[in-house]
Amino acid sequence: MKKAILSALIFAPLFAGCVSTTDTNTSANLDRNAAVAELTTRMDTLGYFHPVTVQVGIDEFLNMSAIILERQRKVMGEYRTQTDNYRDVQAFLYAHQKSTPEQLQAAIAEFDAGAKNKDEEIGHKIAAYNLANEGIYQQNVALATDLTVEIAKSAYILSQYSTAVAQATAINVGGKYV
């Protein structure tokens, strides 16, 4: 039973850190730029940059949440760039899925030459989309590394000092409600 609860506590932040980039019907009515700006302001106001020190054994789990939040803050712009360009880029790449890299570059140049303005060109959209994907990937790698360290610390602390952590938690909780 203890192992199941411990596993749930450790892996819950990992699953919470995963984000879907697909659109839903309700998101079609959302002004995403305004929503991202408001969310960014709220995140910056609340803060997440400094590790918390509430109680050993609990701090590590709280800090994992802070790590996930900070990562989300860092990649919101990349997700926005990705979603802005997703349909055009995917449609173009699907149409040229059997092309070699050289053929794809020629198709991009030909497509962009026929565009009436910069917004109709596909080359810069593909570049921005790929750059956003790479930024998201790099942040996910950093997140996985940070979470692995925090999980290892948590596992060690709980394996060595679970009774002391439980007692400290009971005292802290009891002291707040007395």
C-alpha atoms as a PDB file:
ATOM      1  CA  MET A   1       0.000   0.000   0.000  1.00  0.00           C
ATOM      2  CA  LYS A   2       2.784   2.443   0.933  1.00  0.00           C
ATOM      3  CA  LYS A   3       4.601   1.748  -2.328  1.00  0.00           C
ATOM      4  CA  ALA A   4       1.449   2.402  -4.374  1.00  0.00           C
ATOM      5  CA  ILE A   5       0.858   5.736  -2.645  1.00  0.00           C
ATOM      6  CA  LEU A   6       4.514   6.686  -2.962  1.00  0.00           C
ATOM      7  CA  SER A   7       4.511   5.783  -6.662  1.00  0.00           C
ATOM      8  CA  ALA A   8       1.362   7.833  -7.224  1.00  0.00           C
ATOM      9  CA  LEU A   9       2.900  10.838  -5.468  1.00  0.00           C
ATOM     10  CA  ILE A  10       6.109  10.564  -7.460  1.00  0.00           C
ATOM     11  CA  PHE A  11       4.599  10.036 -10.886  1.00  0.00           C
ATOM     12  CA  ALA A  12       1.636  12.425 -10.649  1.00  0.00           C
ATOM     13  CA  PRO A  13       3.824  15.472 -11.414  1.00  0.00           C
ATOM     14  CA  LEU A  14       5.325  13.667 -14.394  1.00  0.00           C
ATOM     15  CA  PHE A  15       1.930  13.144 -15.950  1.00  0.00           C
ATOM     16  CA  ALA A  16       0.874  16.680 -15.092  1.00  0.00           C
ATOM     17  CA  GLY A  17       3.913  17.987 -16.971  1.00  0.00           C
ATOM     18  CA  CYS A  18       2.737  16.527 -20.262  1.00  0.00           C
ATOM     19  CA  VAL A  19       0.743  18.924 -22.389  1.00  0.00           C
ATOM     20  CA  SER A  20      -1.426  18.312 -25.408  1.00  0.00           C
ATOM     21  CA  THR A  21      -1.098  20.781 -28.259  1.00  0.00           C
ATOM     22  CA  THR A  22      -4.280  19.826 -30.035  1.00  0.00           C
ATOM     23  CA  ASP A  23      -7.117  22.290 -30.423  1.00  0.00           C
ATOM     24  CA  THR A  24     -10.630  21.724 -29.184  1.00  0.00           C
ATOM     25  CA  ASN A  25     -13.836  23.423 -30.304  1.00  0.00           C
ATOM     26  CA  THR A  26     -13.962  25.594 -27.177  1.00  0.00           C
ATOM     27  CA  SER A  27     -10.420  26.825 -27.759  1.00  0.00           C
ATOM     28  CA  ALA A  28     -11.449  28.209 -31.159  1.00  0.00           C
ATOM     29  CA  ASN A  29     -13.198  31.104 -29.413  1.00  0.00           C
ATOM     30  CA  LEU A  30     -10.254  31.904 -27.128  1.00  0.00           C
ATOM     31  CA  ASP A  31      -7.956  34.846 -27.808  1.00  0.00           C
ATOM     32  CA  ARG A  32      -4.803  32.838 -27.253  1.00  0.00           C
ATOM     33  CA  ASN A  33      -2.435  35.802 -27.248  1.00  0.00           C
ATOM     34  CA  ALA A  34      -4.453  37.472 -24.489  1.00  0.00           C
ATOM     35  CA  ALA A  35      -4.762  34.209 -22.556  1.00  0.00           C
ATOM     36  CA  VAL A  36      -1.020  33.526 -22.744  1.00  0.00           C
ATOM     37  CA  ALA A  37      -0.232  37.112 -21.701  1.00  0.00           C
ATOM     38  CA  GLU A  38      -2.599  36.896 -18.723  1.00  0.00           C
ATOM     39  CA  LEU A  39      -1.301  33.477 -17.685  1.00  0.00           C
ATOM     40  CA  THR A  40       2.303  34.653 -17.968  1.00  0.00           C
ATOM     41  CA  THR A  41       1.533  37.678 -15.786  1.00  0.00           C
ATOM     42  CA  ARG A  42      -0.151  35.494 -13.170  1.00  0.00           C
ATOM     43  CA  MET A  43       2.730  33.010 -13.157  1.00  0.00           C
ATOM     44  CA  ASP A  44       5.285  35.799 -12.804  1.00  0.00           C
ATOM     45  CA  THR A  45       3.266  37.412  -9.995  1.00  0.00           C
ATOM     46  CA  LEU A  46       2.936  34.169  -8.051  1.00  0.00           C
ATOM     47  CA  GLY A  47       6.544  33.220  -8.697  1.00  0.00           C
ATOM     48  CA  TYR A  48       8.143  29.823  -9.082  1.00  0.00           C
ATOM     49  CA  PHE A  49      11.842  30.463  -9.369  1.00  0.00           C
ATOM     50  CA  HIS A  50      12.938  29.718  -5.802  1.00  0.00           C
ATOM     51  CA  PRO A  51      12.769  26.274  -4.217  1.00  0.00           C
ATOM     52  CA  VAL A  52      10.474  26.090  -1.207  1.00  0.00           C
ATOM     53  CA  THR A  53      11.541  24.928   2.210  1.00  0.00           C
ATOM     54  CA  VAL A  54       8.468  23.899   4.134  1.00  0.00           C
ATOM     55  CA  GLN A  55       9.487  20.484   5.409  1.00  0.00           C
ATOM     56  CA  VAL A  56      11.993  17.862   4.329  1.00  0.00           C
ATOM     57  CA  GLY A  57      10.204  15.128   2.430  1.00  0.00           C
ATOM     58  CA  ILE A  58       7.455  17.487   1.294  1.00  0.00           C
ATOM     59  CA  ASP A  59       9.693  20.159  -0.245  1.00  0.00           C
ATOM     60  CA  GLU A  60      10.842  17.841  -3.017  1.00  0.00           C
ATOM     61  CA  PHE A  61       7.279  17.236  -4.209  1.00  0.00           C
ATOM     62  CA  LEU A  62       6.439  20.940  -4.073  1.00  0.00           C
ATOM     63  CA  ASN A  63       9.627  21.773  -5.928  1.00  0.00           C
ATOM     64  CA  MET A  64       8.730  19.286  -8.679  1.00  0.00           C
ATOM     65  CA  SER A  65       5.533  21.253  -9.230  1.00  0.00           C
ATOM     66  CA  ALA A  66       7.529  24.481  -9.355  1.00  0.00           C
ATOM     67  CA  ILE A  67       9.915  22.942 -11.903  1.00  0.00           C
ATOM     68  CA  ILE A  68       6.979  21.915 -14.095  1.00  0.00           C
ATOM     69  CA  LEU A  69       5.391  25.370 -13.802  1.00  0.00           C
ATOM     70  CA  GLU A  70       8.638  27.116 -14.689  1.00  0.00           C
ATOM     71  CA  ARG A  71       9.076  24.857 -17.722  1.00  0.00           C
ATOM     72  CA  GLN A  72       5.520  25.591 -18.836  1.00  0.00           C
ATOM     73  CA  ARG A  73       6.266  29.318 -18.528  1.00  0.00           C
ATOM     74  CA  LYS A  74       9.361  28.919 -20.692  1.00  0.00           C
ATOM     75  CA  VAL A  75       7.623  27.037 -23.510  1.00  0.00           C
ATOM     76  CA  MET A  76       4.302  28.902 -23.748  1.00  0.00           C
ATOM     77  CA  GLY A  77       5.650  31.024 -26.579  1.00  0.00           C
ATOM     78  CA  GLU A  78       6.931  27.983 -28.445  1.00  0.00           C
ATOM     79  CA  TYR A  79       3.559  26.258 -28.090  1.00  0.00           C
ATOM     80  CA  ARG A  80       1.890  29.390 -29.452  1.00  0.00           C
ATOM     81  CA  THR A  81       4.254  29.493 -32.444  1.00  0.00           C
ATOM     82  CA  GLN A  82       3.698  25.800 -33.008  1.00  0.00           C
ATOM     83  CA  THR A  83      -0.106  26.057 -32.969  1.00  0.00           C
ATOM     84  CA  ASP A  84      -0.103  29.197 -35.148  1.00  0.00           C
ATOM     85  CA  ASN A  85       1.748  27.350 -37.890  1.00  0.00           C
ATOM     86  CA  TYR A  86       0.537  23.784 -37.341  1.00  0.00           C
ATOM     87  CA  ARG A  87      -2.153  23.490 -40.022  1.00  0.00           C
ATOM     88  CA  ASP A  88      -0.211  25.185 -42.821  1.00  0.00           C
ATOM     89  CA  VAL A  89       3.022  23.335 -42.056  1.00  0.00           C
ATOM     90  CA  GLN A  90       1.399  19.931 -41.640  1.00  0.00           C
ATOM     91  CA  ALA A  91      -0.681  20.325 -44.806  1.00  0.00           C
ATOM     92  CA  PHE A  92       2.395  21.318 -46.815  1.00  0.00           C
ATOM     93  CA  LEU A  93       4.557  18.547 -45.385  1.00  0.00           C
ATOM     94  CA  TYR A  94       1.794  15.985 -45.934  1.00  0.00           C
ATOM     95  CA  ALA A  95       1.528  17.035 -49.577  1.00  0.00           C
ATOM     96  CA  HIS A  96       5.295  16.544 -49.928  1.00  0.00           C
ATOM     97  CA  GLN A  97       5.735  13.551 -47.626  1.00  0.00           C
ATOM     98  CA  LYS A  98       7.507  11.442 -50.246  1.00  0.00           C
ATOM     99  CA  SER A  99       9.908  14.220 -51.255  1.00  0.00           C
ATOM    100  CA  THR A 100      13.615  14.066 -50.593  1.00  0.00           C
ATOM    101  CA  PRO A 101      15.056  16.956 -48.557  1.00  0.00           C
ATOM    102  CA  GLU A 102      16.241  18.574 -51.796  1.00  0.00           C
ATOM    103  CA  GLN A 103      12.829  18.194 -53.421  1.00  0.00           C
ATOM    104  CA  LEU A 104      11.170  19.608 -50.321  1.00  0.00           C
ATOM    105  CA  GLN A 105      13.432  22.670 -50.376  1.00  0.00           C
ATOM    106  CA  ALA A 106      12.639  23.180 -54.075  1.00  0.00           C
ATOM    107  CA  ALA A 107       8.896  22.862 -53.337  1.00  0.00           C
ATOM    108  CA  ILE A 108       9.192  25.428 -50.533  1.00  0.00           C
ATOM    109  CA  ALA A 109      11.053  27.853 -52.813  1.00  0.00           C
ATOM    110  CA  GLU A 110       8.477  27.346 -55.594  1.00  0.00           C
ATOM    111  CA  PHE A 111       5.556  27.789 -53.181  1.00  0.00           C
ATOM    112  CA  ASP A 112       7.051  30.924 -51.630  1.00  0.00           C
ATOM    113  CA  ALA A 113       7.794  32.412 -55.074  1.00  0.00           C
ATOM    114  CA  GLY A 114       4.084  32.234 -55.872  1.00  0.00           C
ATOM    115  CA  ALA A 115       2.987  33.823 -52.591  1.00  0.00           C
ATOM    116  CA  LYS A 116       1.405  37.271 -52.762  1.00  0.00           C
ATOM    117  CA  ASN A 117       2.803  38.334 -49.381  1.00  0.00           C
ATOM    118  CA  LYS A 118       4.949  37.134 -46.470  1.00  0.00           C
ATOM    119  CA  ASP A 119       1.936  35.642 -44.646  1.00  0.00           C
ATOM    120  CA  GLU A 120       1.286  33.258 -47.541  1.00  0.00           C
ATOM    121  CA  GLU A 121       4.887  31.981 -47.641  1.00  0.00           C
ATOM    122  CA  ILE A 122       5.511  28.586 -46.082  1.00  0.00           C
ATOM    123  CA  GLY A 123       9.298  28.603 -45.624  1.00  0.00           C
ATOM    124  CA  HIS A 124       9.363  30.886 -42.599  1.00  0.00           C
ATOM    125  CA  LYS A 125       6.383  29.019 -41.082  1.00  0.00           C
ATOM    126  CA  ILE A 126       8.214  25.695 -41.361  1.00  0.00           C
ATOM    127  CA  ALA A 127      11.358  27.239 -39.858  1.00  0.00           C
ATOM    128  CA  ALA A 128       9.409  28.780 -36.939  1.00  0.00           C
ATOM    129  CA  TYR A 129       7.489  25.544 -36.386  1.00  0.00           C
ATOM    130  CA  ASN A 130      10.687  23.465 -36.326  1.00  0.00           C
ATOM    131  CA  LEU A 131      12.426  25.955 -34.021  1.00  0.00           C
ATOM    132  CA  ALA A 132       9.450  25.887 -31.624  1.00  0.00           C
ATOM    133  CA  ASN A 133       9.418  22.076 -31.648  1.00  0.00           C
ATOM    134  CA  GLU A 134      13.140  21.989 -30.894  1.00  0.00           C
ATOM    135  CA  GLY A 135      12.720  24.472 -28.036  1.00  0.00           C
ATOM    136  CA  ILE A 136       9.897  22.403 -26.553  1.00  0.00           C
ATOM    137  CA  TYR A 137      11.954  19.231 -26.916  1.00  0.00           C
ATOM    138  CA  GLN A 138      14.982  20.794 -25.183  1.00  0.00           C
ATOM    139  CA  GLN A 139      12.802  22.054 -22.327  1.00  0.00           C
ATOM    140  CA  ASN A 140      11.273  18.587 -21.969  1.00  0.00           C
ATOM    141  CA  VAL A 141      14.764  17.076 -21.735  1.00  0.00           C
ATOM    142  CA  ALA A 142      15.687  19.618 -19.050  1.00  0.00           C
ATOM    143  CA  LEU A 143      12.410  18.928 -17.243  1.00  0.00           C
ATOM    144  CA  ALA A 144      13.003  15.179 -17.283  1.00  0.00           C
ATOM    145  CA  THR A 145      16.499  15.689 -15.874  1.00  0.00           C
ATOM    146  CA  ASP A 146      15.281  18.000 -13.103  1.00  0.00           C
ATOM    147  CA  LEU A 147      12.406  15.696 -12.205  1.00  0.00           C
ATOM    148  CA  THR A 148      14.703  12.671 -12.110  1.00  0.00           C
ATOM    149  CA  VAL A 149      16.945  14.448  -9.601  1.00  0.00           C
ATOM    150  CA  GLU A 150      13.975  15.535  -7.453  1.00  0.00           C
ATOM    151  CA  ILE A 151      12.422  12.060  -7.574  1.00  0.00           C
ATOM    152  CA  ALA A 152      15.726  10.466  -6.574  1.00  0.00           C
ATOM    153  CA  LYS A 153      16.068  12.880  -3.649  1.00  0.00           C
ATOM    154  CA  SER A 154      12.474  12.231  -2.604  1.00  0.00           C
ATOM    155  CA  ALA A 155      12.857   8.472  -2.838  1.00  0.00           C
ATOM    156  CA  TYR A 156      16.039   8.563  -0.784  1.00  0.00           C
ATOM    157  CA  ILE A 157      14.571  10.815   1.902  1.00  0.00           C
ATOM    158  CA  LEU A 158      11.399   8.783   2.159  1.00  0.00           C
ATOM    159  CA  SER A 159      13.247   5.457   2.177  1.00  0.00           C
ATOM    160  CA  GLN A 160      15.614   6.582   4.935  1.00  0.00           C
ATOM    161  CA  TYR A 161      13.437   8.901   6.976  1.00  0.00           C
ATOM    162  CA  SER A 162       9.795   8.017   6.263  1.00  0.00           C
ATOM    163  CA  THR A 163       8.861   7.808   9.954  1.00  0.00           C
ATOM    164  CA  ALA A 164      10.495  11.154  10.748  1.00  0.00           C
ATOM    165  CA  VAL A 165       8.826  12.772   7.725  1.00  0.00           C
ATOM    166  CA  ALA A 166       5.442  11.382   8.747  1.00  0.00           C
ATOM    167  CA  GLN A 167       5.903  12.627  12.317  1.00  0.00           C
ATOM    168  CA  ALA A 168       6.999  16.075  11.163  1.00  0.00           C
ATOM    169  CA  THR A 169       4.031  16.243   8.802  1.00  0.00           C
ATOM    170  CA  ALA A 170       1.625  15.310  11.593  1.00  0.00           C
ATOM    171  CA  ILE A 171       3.146  17.944  13.899  1.00  0.00           C
ATOM    172  CA  ASN A 172       3.076  20.631  11.185  1.00  0.00           C
ATOM    173  CA  VAL A 173      -0.522  19.870  10.220  1.00  0.00           C
ATOM    174  CA  GLY A 174      -1.612  19.631  13.852  1.00  0.00           C
ATOM    175  CA  GLY A 175       0.084  22.938  14.702  1.00  0.00           C
ATOM    176  CA  LYS A 176      -1.743  24.823  11.945  1.00  0.00           C
ATOM    177  CA  TYR A 177      -5.189  23.800  13.094  1.00  0.00           C
ATOM    178  CA  VAL A 178      -4.793  24.184  16.854  1.00  0.00           C
END
